[in-house]
Each structure stands twice: as structure tokens, then as C-alpha cells.
Amino acid sequence: MRIASLGSGSKGNATLVQHGDTTLLVDNGFSLRKFTQRLERFEIDPGSIDALLLTHEHGDHSGGVERLCVAHSIPLWTAVGTARAVLSPQFEYRRLVAGQSITIGDIEVLPVTVPHDANEPLQFIFHQIDIGKRLGILTDTGHITRHIVDSFSCLDALLLEFNYDSEMLERGPYPEMLKQRVGGNHGHLSNDQSLDLLRRIDTSSLNCLIAAHISEKNNSAEIVDALIRQLDAVPVPVLANQEAGFDWISI
């Protein structure tokens, strides 16, 4: 199994997960033209994507989903609440339910419910069926719950949100209402919250850690990298960014 990103941040998110003959896409916050341009470096035909999994309705994750799926006949999986919030009434999708696994080709997908200011937000754990390796994606989450700790323990790889530095957010340019939203219990994960999660979950089998959704205004890759390197039980992180995401990483 391997993972790659076309971009990660508030201007657009799209993540590829691939194993065997199966290619999955998590979210697409890019226009069809921009998505196609960004996908070229991975040498993947958009029509070969087996499914698109939509986490929630916010535009940086959903903005290009419907048009992409229509243009290339890609099946869309998402929760009912998300579909009602963002999809056209006539658009046909396949329903995801938190805690109920689905199998798409060579990959088993477990949707995990998370606290975020959306209608029915989900994050995902991917299970490589034949070998048993597990990959988690956890972004757009306001705080860490017991359920999240249990779900994201014992992974081989984890893409984890490090959205903001608390002091930078407080001093930064956002209006007060937006600061409260980002830093609230249904906003995003701070550096400290994500570090706390890494201390609480079982990381004994973790061989790949990707820091993602790093705010360009309220955080920095250098801060995130230095903080993670203070932890003894996790690998040196890969830092996703808005412009390039990151290239294929094998798990």
C-alpha cells in the first residue's frame, strides 16, 4: 500500500491511496483542471480511480468532487449528512456509515466519526487486506476523543493534521470569530493536540508519519518538524504542503 498527496491545506486537499490494482482518492478540493494538472506527475489516469471518499462538505475538501466524479465516472462514497450538504439532489452516491467497513478492490476502508463543524464528518482507516498493514488519515478534527485514540492505535502509517500553533493563531491575522472556530472543539487539531494523540496511541508498529493540513498563516513546517522530532516513539515525519502535497510513500 502507498499514499500520496496532490496538496494539503486550506486551499485544497486531495490524497491518493493505492494497493494492488486499486486506487482510491480521499477528497478533492481542486477544480477539474487543477486536479488533472496535479495528478499528471503521479502517472494516473483519472478514469482509473476506483472510488472517491469524501470526508465532509467544506470546500477545500469537496469543491471539485462532483465535477470530477461526473467527468470520469468515479463512484463517490460519503455520509448522508455530507451528501445532503454539498451534492446536487440528483447526484447518485454510495453511503458511508461510521464504524461500518466497506471493501473496494484490494482495500478495506473503515470510516471513523470525528468532531468537526460539518454535518456528518468522517476520517478513514485503510486496511491492506492481503498483508494486513493499516493506514490512518486524520484531519479536520476539533479535539481528540477516546474513540479516536482506540481507532488510530496500532497503525503502520498515519497522516495526521497539525493545523495550527496556538500562539501563532492567537497573534495571527484571522478575525476573532474564525480564531474561535479553528481553535474550538469542532475546529482543527493544534500541534499540541496532535502530539498528545501520538503519545496516547500505540505507535509500536508505526513506520510512517505524515504531518498534514499545516496552516500557512498559523503554523510552520519547521515548528511541526521540531516538535515531532522530540518524540522518541515515532518516525521522522514527512511534511505535506499546499503546493506539492507529497510524492508516493510506500507503507
Protein backbone atom coordinates (compact mmCIF):
# COMPACT_ATOMS: atom_id res chain seq x y z
CA MET A 1 0.00 0.00 0.00
CA ARG A 2 1.17 3.54 -0.71
CA ILE A 3 -0.07 7.09 -0.23
CA ALA A 4 0.47 10.41 -1.99
CA SER A 5 -0.99 13.91 -1.83
CA LEU A 6 -1.87 16.40 -4.55
CA GLY A 7 -1.99 19.18 -1.97
CA SER A 8 -2.77 19.64 1.71
CA GLY A 9 -4.11 22.80 3.29
CA SER A 10 -6.91 25.33 3.32
CA LYS A 11 -6.66 25.97 -0.45
CA GLY A 12 -7.37 22.38 -1.42
CA ASN A 13 -6.89 18.77 -0.35
CA ALA A 14 -6.69 15.51 -2.28
CA THR A 15 -5.00 12.29 -1.16
CA LEU A 16 -4.33 9.08 -3.11
CA VAL A 17 -4.24 5.62 -1.52
CA GLN A 18 -3.20 2.72 -3.71
CA HIS A 19 -2.69 -1.01 -3.32
CA GLY A 20 -2.56 -3.69 -5.99
CA ASP A 21 -4.99 -2.76 -8.73
CA THR A 22 -6.99 -0.42 -6.51
CA THR A 23 -6.64 3.38 -6.45
CA LEU A 24 -8.70 5.45 -4.02
CA LEU A 25 -8.97 9.22 -3.75
CA VAL A 26 -9.80 10.92 -0.48
CA ASP A 27 -11.44 14.32 -1.10
CA ASN A 28 -10.84 16.79 -3.91
CA GLY A 29 -10.83 20.49 -3.17
CA PHE A 30 -9.36 21.43 -6.57
CA SER A 31 -11.01 22.44 -9.82
CA LEU A 32 -11.11 19.76 -12.50
CA ARG A 33 -8.35 21.49 -14.45
CA LYS A 34 -6.08 21.93 -11.43
CA PHE A 35 -6.73 18.39 -10.22
CA THR A 36 -5.83 16.98 -13.64
CA GLN A 37 -2.63 19.04 -13.76
CA ARG A 38 -1.59 17.94 -10.28
CA LEU A 39 -2.40 14.29 -10.99
CA GLU A 40 -0.13 14.14 -14.04
CA ARG A 41 3.05 13.71 -12.00
CA PHE A 42 1.67 10.51 -10.49
CA GLU A 43 1.05 8.99 -13.94
CA ILE A 44 -2.52 8.04 -13.09
CA ASP A 45 -5.45 8.31 -15.46
CA PRO A 46 -8.35 9.94 -13.57
CA GLY A 47 -10.65 7.33 -15.08
CA SER A 48 -8.70 4.56 -13.35
CA ILE A 49 -9.60 5.85 -9.86
CA ASP A 50 -11.84 3.19 -8.32
CA ALA A 51 -13.61 5.42 -5.79
CA LEU A 52 -13.59 8.86 -4.23
CA LEU A 53 -14.15 9.01 -0.48
CA LEU A 54 -15.44 12.39 0.73
CA THR A 55 -14.76 13.25 4.38
CA HIS A 56 -17.03 16.30 4.71
CA GLU A 57 -18.55 19.21 2.84
CA HIS A 58 -16.08 22.06 3.38
CA GLY A 59 -14.90 23.48 0.09
CA ASP A 60 -11.20 22.74 0.49
CA HIS A 61 -12.16 19.04 0.56
CA SER A 62 -15.30 18.89 -1.58
CA GLY A 63 -15.05 21.78 -4.05
CA GLY A 64 -14.08 19.65 -7.06
CA VAL A 65 -15.66 16.33 -6.12
CA GLU A 66 -18.90 16.26 -8.07
CA ARG A 67 -17.47 17.55 -11.33
CA LEU A 68 -14.53 15.13 -11.16
CA CYS A 69 -16.78 12.15 -10.48
CA VAL A 70 -19.12 13.06 -13.35
CA ALA A 71 -16.28 13.72 -15.80
CA HIS A 72 -14.57 10.38 -15.17
CA SER A 73 -17.41 8.15 -13.90
CA ILE A 74 -15.79 7.76 -10.47
CA PRO A 75 -18.05 6.26 -7.76
CA LEU A 76 -18.43 8.60 -4.78
CA TRP A 77 -18.71 7.31 -1.22
CA THR A 78 -19.73 9.66 1.59
CA ALA A 79 -22.03 10.04 4.57
CA VAL A 80 -25.67 11.05 4.12
CA GLY A 81 -25.17 14.31 6.02
CA THR A 82 -22.26 15.29 3.80
CA ALA A 83 -24.13 14.39 0.63
CA ARG A 84 -27.11 16.49 1.63
CA ALA A 85 -24.87 19.43 2.42
CA VAL A 86 -22.82 19.56 -0.77
CA LEU A 87 -24.08 17.32 -3.60
CA SER A 88 -26.71 18.10 -6.18
CA PRO A 89 -30.04 16.41 -5.35
CA GLN A 90 -29.87 14.24 -8.47
CA PHE A 91 -26.29 13.10 -7.91
CA GLU A 92 -26.05 9.39 -7.07
CA TYR A 93 -23.57 8.39 -4.36
CA ARG A 94 -22.84 5.40 -2.15
CA ARG A 95 -23.48 5.69 1.55
CA LEU A 96 -20.77 5.51 4.22
CA VAL A 97 -21.67 4.83 7.84
CA ALA A 98 -19.21 5.42 10.68
CA GLY A 99 -17.93 2.15 12.08
CA GLN A 100 -19.09 0.05 9.13
CA SER A 101 -16.22 -1.13 6.93
CA ILE A 102 -16.50 -1.38 3.16
CA THR A 103 -14.21 -3.18 0.74
CA ILE A 104 -13.17 -1.56 -2.53
CA GLY A 105 -10.94 -3.79 -4.61
CA ASP A 106 -7.87 -4.70 -2.58
CA ILE A 107 -8.51 -2.23 0.24
CA GLU A 108 -10.84 -2.33 3.23
CA VAL A 109 -11.98 1.11 4.39
CA LEU A 110 -13.22 1.91 7.91
CA PRO A 111 -14.99 5.31 8.29
CA VAL A 112 -14.38 6.90 11.71
CA THR A 113 -16.59 9.63 13.15
CA VAL A 114 -14.79 12.77 14.34
CA PRO A 115 -15.79 16.09 15.97
CA HIS A 116 -15.78 18.83 13.32
CA ASP A 117 -18.13 21.63 12.34
CA ALA A 118 -19.70 19.73 9.48
CA ASN A 119 -22.88 17.69 9.06
CA GLU A 120 -21.53 14.13 9.29
CA PRO A 121 -17.71 14.27 9.12
CA LEU A 122 -15.66 11.11 8.71
CA GLN A 123 -11.99 10.20 8.61
CA PHE A 124 -10.61 6.87 7.44
CA ILE A 125 -8.51 3.83 8.21
CA PHE A 126 -7.35 1.73 5.26
CA HIS A 127 -6.56 -1.95 5.67
CA GLN A 128 -4.31 -3.73 3.20
CA ILE A 129 -6.29 -6.96 3.09
CA ASP A 130 -3.66 -9.42 1.87
CA ILE A 131 -0.77 -8.34 4.12
CA GLY A 132 -2.61 -6.64 6.96
CA LYS A 133 -0.94 -3.22 7.05
CA ARG A 134 -3.09 -0.31 8.21
CA LEU A 135 -3.02 3.36 7.22
CA GLY A 136 -4.94 6.11 9.00
CA ILE A 137 -5.93 9.57 7.76
CA LEU A 138 -7.00 12.03 10.46
CA THR A 139 -7.54 15.71 9.65
CA ASP A 140 -10.30 18.28 10.22
CA THR A 141 -10.90 17.24 13.80
CA GLY A 142 -11.60 19.61 16.68
CA HIS A 143 -10.41 17.50 19.60
CA ILE A 144 -9.24 14.01 20.44
CA THR A 145 -11.87 11.57 21.66
CA ARG A 146 -11.46 8.16 23.28
CA HIS A 147 -12.91 6.66 20.11
CA ILE A 148 -10.20 8.32 18.01
CA VAL A 149 -7.46 7.02 20.31
CA ASP A 150 -8.84 3.49 20.07
CA SER A 151 -9.37 3.65 16.31
CA PHE A 152 -6.00 5.11 15.37
CA SER A 153 -3.82 2.89 17.55
CA CYS A 154 -1.60 0.13 16.12
CA LEU A 155 -1.25 1.65 12.65
CA ASP A 156 1.63 1.15 10.23
CA ALA A 157 1.22 4.67 8.82
CA LEU A 158 -0.63 7.81 9.84
CA LEU A 159 -1.41 11.05 8.05
CA LEU A 160 -2.20 13.43 10.89
CA GLU A 161 -3.35 17.04 10.96
CA PHE A 162 -1.02 19.59 12.57
CA ASN A 163 -3.14 22.59 11.67
CA TYR A 164 -2.07 25.41 13.94
CA ASP A 165 0.32 26.63 16.60
CA SER A 166 -1.81 28.03 19.42
CA GLU A 167 0.30 31.14 19.95
CA MET A 168 0.51 31.89 16.23
CA LEU A 169 -3.25 31.54 15.89
CA GLU A 170 -3.81 33.90 18.81
CA ARG A 171 -1.44 36.53 17.39
CA GLY A 172 -2.35 35.94 13.76
CA PRO A 173 -4.46 37.82 11.20
CA TYR A 174 -7.69 35.85 11.47
CA PRO A 175 -10.76 37.67 12.82
CA GLU A 176 -11.74 36.64 16.33
CA MET A 177 -14.71 34.55 15.22
CA LEU A 178 -12.53 32.50 12.86
CA LYS A 179 -9.88 32.04 15.55
CA GLN A 180 -12.54 30.64 17.86
CA ARG A 181 -13.81 28.31 15.14
CA VAL A 182 -10.36 26.94 14.25
CA GLY A 183 -9.33 26.54 17.88
CA GLY A 184 -12.67 25.25 19.13
CA ASN A 185 -13.79 21.73 19.97
CA HIS A 186 -15.17 21.29 16.45
CA GLY A 187 -12.40 23.04 14.54
CA HIS A 188 -8.94 21.73 13.79
CA LEU A 189 -6.14 19.96 15.66
CA SER A 190 -3.37 22.11 17.10
CA ASN A 191 0.23 20.98 17.24
CA ASP A 192 -0.19 20.21 20.94
CA GLN A 193 -3.35 18.15 20.40
CA SER A 194 -1.73 16.07 17.67
CA LEU A 195 1.37 15.49 19.77
CA ASP A 196 -0.88 14.38 22.62
CA LEU A 197 -2.58 11.89 20.31
CA LEU A 198 0.79 10.45 19.31
CA ARG A 199 1.63 9.98 22.99
CA ARG A 200 -1.69 8.25 23.69
CA ILE A 201 -1.96 5.81 20.80
CA ASP A 202 0.05 2.62 20.34
CA THR A 203 2.80 3.61 17.87
CA SER A 204 4.87 0.43 18.19
CA SER A 205 4.22 -0.56 14.56
CA LEU A 206 4.19 2.98 13.12
CA ASN A 207 6.81 3.30 10.38
CA CYS A 208 5.44 6.34 8.55
CA LEU A 209 4.12 9.62 9.97
CA ILE A 210 2.89 12.41 7.71
CA ALA A 211 2.12 15.84 9.15
CA ALA A 212 -0.64 17.41 7.04
CA HIS A 213 -3.07 20.32 6.76
CA ILE A 214 -0.41 22.67 8.17
CA SER A 215 -1.77 26.22 8.19
CA GLU A 216 0.21 28.67 6.09
CA LYS A 217 -0.76 31.56 8.38
CA ASN A 218 -0.95 29.99 11.83
CA ASN A 219 1.81 27.40 11.76
CA SER A 220 5.05 26.43 10.06
CA ALA A 221 6.57 23.20 8.84
CA GLU A 222 9.72 23.98 10.82
CA ILE A 223 7.79 24.19 14.10
CA VAL A 224 5.92 20.96 13.40
CA ASP A 225 9.07 19.09 12.41
CA ALA A 226 10.95 20.18 15.54
CA LEU A 227 8.07 19.20 17.84
CA ILE A 228 7.60 15.75 16.35
CA ARG A 229 11.33 15.02 16.49
CA GLN A 230 11.16 15.43 20.28
CA LEU A 231 9.08 12.23 20.47
CA ASP A 232 11.10 9.04 20.73
CA ALA A 233 8.43 6.57 19.69
CA VAL A 234 7.53 7.93 16.23
CA PRO A 235 9.42 8.10 12.92
CA VAL A 236 10.84 11.27 11.41
CA PRO A 237 7.83 12.97 9.79
CA VAL A 238 7.05 13.68 6.18
CA LEU A 239 5.68 17.23 5.91
CA ALA A 240 2.81 17.71 3.46
CA ASN A 241 2.37 21.14 1.92
CA GLN A 242 -0.26 23.03 -0.02
CA GLU A 243 1.53 23.38 -3.34
CA ALA A 244 3.05 19.95 -3.83
CA GLY A 245 1.48 17.69 -1.22
CA PHE A 246 3.98 14.82 -1.19
CA ASP A 247 5.07 12.07 -3.58
CA TRP A 248 4.34 8.37 -3.22
CA ILE A 249 5.27 6.86 0.12
CA SER A 250 5.24 3.08 0.42
CA ILE A 251 3.96 1.66 3.69
